[in-house]
Amino acid sequence: MNLRQVKIIIEKHSDGYVAYPLGLKGVVVGEGDSCEEALADVKSAIGFHIETFGPDIFDDEPPALEAFIAETGVAA
């Protein structure tokens, strides 16, 4: 078994947490009442995604080295 590191984005919302991975083909999302629950849920979802579609779900490009969150104002 080949162990790969995957970066996960976790967002806090008013009704809980949502987590999703970077660098995978397809949509994979986890959720939970806590950050830890969302992380565990998305880890399980990634495993299911790999079992279903195989290891080709990983993007061909090198993985992101870092991820940043930025905020800016825009006219609406």
Protein backbone atom coordinates (compact mmCIF):
# COMPACT_ATOMS: atom_id res chain seq x y z
CA MET A 1 0.00 0.00 0.00
CA ASN A 2 1.32 3.44 -0.97
CA LEU A 3 0.71 6.19 1.63
CA ARG A 4 0.07 9.63 0.10
CA GLN A 5 -0.20 12.92 1.92
CA VAL A 6 -3.31 14.94 1.04
CA LYS A 7 -3.95 18.55 2.02
CA ILE A 8 -7.44 19.09 3.46
CA ILE A 9 -9.37 22.36 3.63
CA ILE A 10 -11.70 22.58 6.64
CA GLU A 11 -14.34 25.30 6.79
CA LYS A 12 -16.31 26.27 9.89
CA HIS A 13 -19.95 27.14 9.22
CA SER A 14 -22.76 28.10 11.57
CA ASP A 15 -24.14 24.53 11.45
CA GLY A 16 -20.86 22.58 11.58
CA TYR A 17 -17.67 21.89 9.65
CA VAL A 18 -17.05 20.94 6.02
CA ALA A 19 -13.79 19.38 4.80
CA TYR A 20 -12.52 18.69 1.30
CA PRO A 21 -9.19 17.57 -0.15
CA LEU A 22 -6.96 19.34 -2.65
CA GLY A 23 -5.50 17.52 -5.65
CA LEU A 24 -8.13 14.85 -6.30
CA LYS A 25 -10.23 14.31 -9.41
CA GLY A 26 -13.94 14.31 -8.61
CA VAL A 27 -15.83 15.65 -5.64
CA VAL A 28 -15.01 14.43 -2.15
CA VAL A 29 -16.52 16.15 0.90
CA GLY A 30 -16.76 15.36 4.59
CA GLU A 31 -18.76 17.05 7.33
CA GLY A 32 -19.16 16.98 11.08
CA ASP A 33 -20.10 18.85 14.22
CA SER A 34 -16.40 19.37 15.01
CA CYS A 35 -13.22 19.87 13.03
CA GLU A 36 -12.08 16.37 14.03
CA GLU A 37 -15.37 14.78 12.89
CA ALA A 38 -15.19 16.53 9.51
CA LEU A 39 -11.58 15.43 9.06
CA ALA A 40 -12.42 11.81 9.92
CA ASP A 41 -15.42 11.90 7.57
CA VAL A 42 -13.43 13.27 4.63
CA LYS A 43 -10.64 10.74 5.25
CA SER A 44 -13.24 7.97 5.02
CA ALA A 45 -14.72 9.56 1.88
CA ILE A 46 -11.26 9.71 0.26
CA GLY A 47 -10.75 6.01 1.01
CA PHE A 48 -14.11 5.16 -0.56
CA HIS A 49 -13.26 7.34 -3.59
CA ILE A 50 -9.97 5.45 -4.07
CA GLU A 51 -11.70 2.06 -3.69
CA THR A 52 -14.35 3.09 -6.24
CA PHE A 53 -12.24 4.83 -8.89
CA GLY A 54 -8.70 3.58 -8.21
CA PRO A 55 -5.47 5.48 -7.61
CA ASP A 56 -5.94 7.51 -10.81
CA ILE A 57 -8.07 9.97 -8.81
CA PHE A 58 -4.90 11.86 -7.88
CA ASP A 59 -4.09 14.81 -10.13
CA ASP A 60 -1.13 14.29 -12.46
CA GLU A 61 0.38 17.61 -11.41
CA PRO A 62 2.58 17.81 -8.32
CA PRO A 63 0.57 18.47 -5.15
CA ALA A 64 0.26 21.97 -3.72
CA LEU A 65 3.18 22.74 -1.44
CA GLU A 66 1.09 25.04 0.75
CA ALA A 67 -2.46 26.37 0.84
CA PHE A 68 -3.41 29.87 1.95
CA ILE A 69 -6.67 31.61 2.74
CA ALA A 70 -6.98 35.24 1.62
CA GLU A 71 -9.83 37.72 1.76
CA THR A 72 -10.52 40.77 -0.37
CA GLY A 73 -13.42 43.12 -0.98
CA VAL A 74 -15.26 43.11 -4.30
CA ALA A 75 -18.05 45.31 -5.66
CA ALA A 76 -21.36 43.48 -5.65
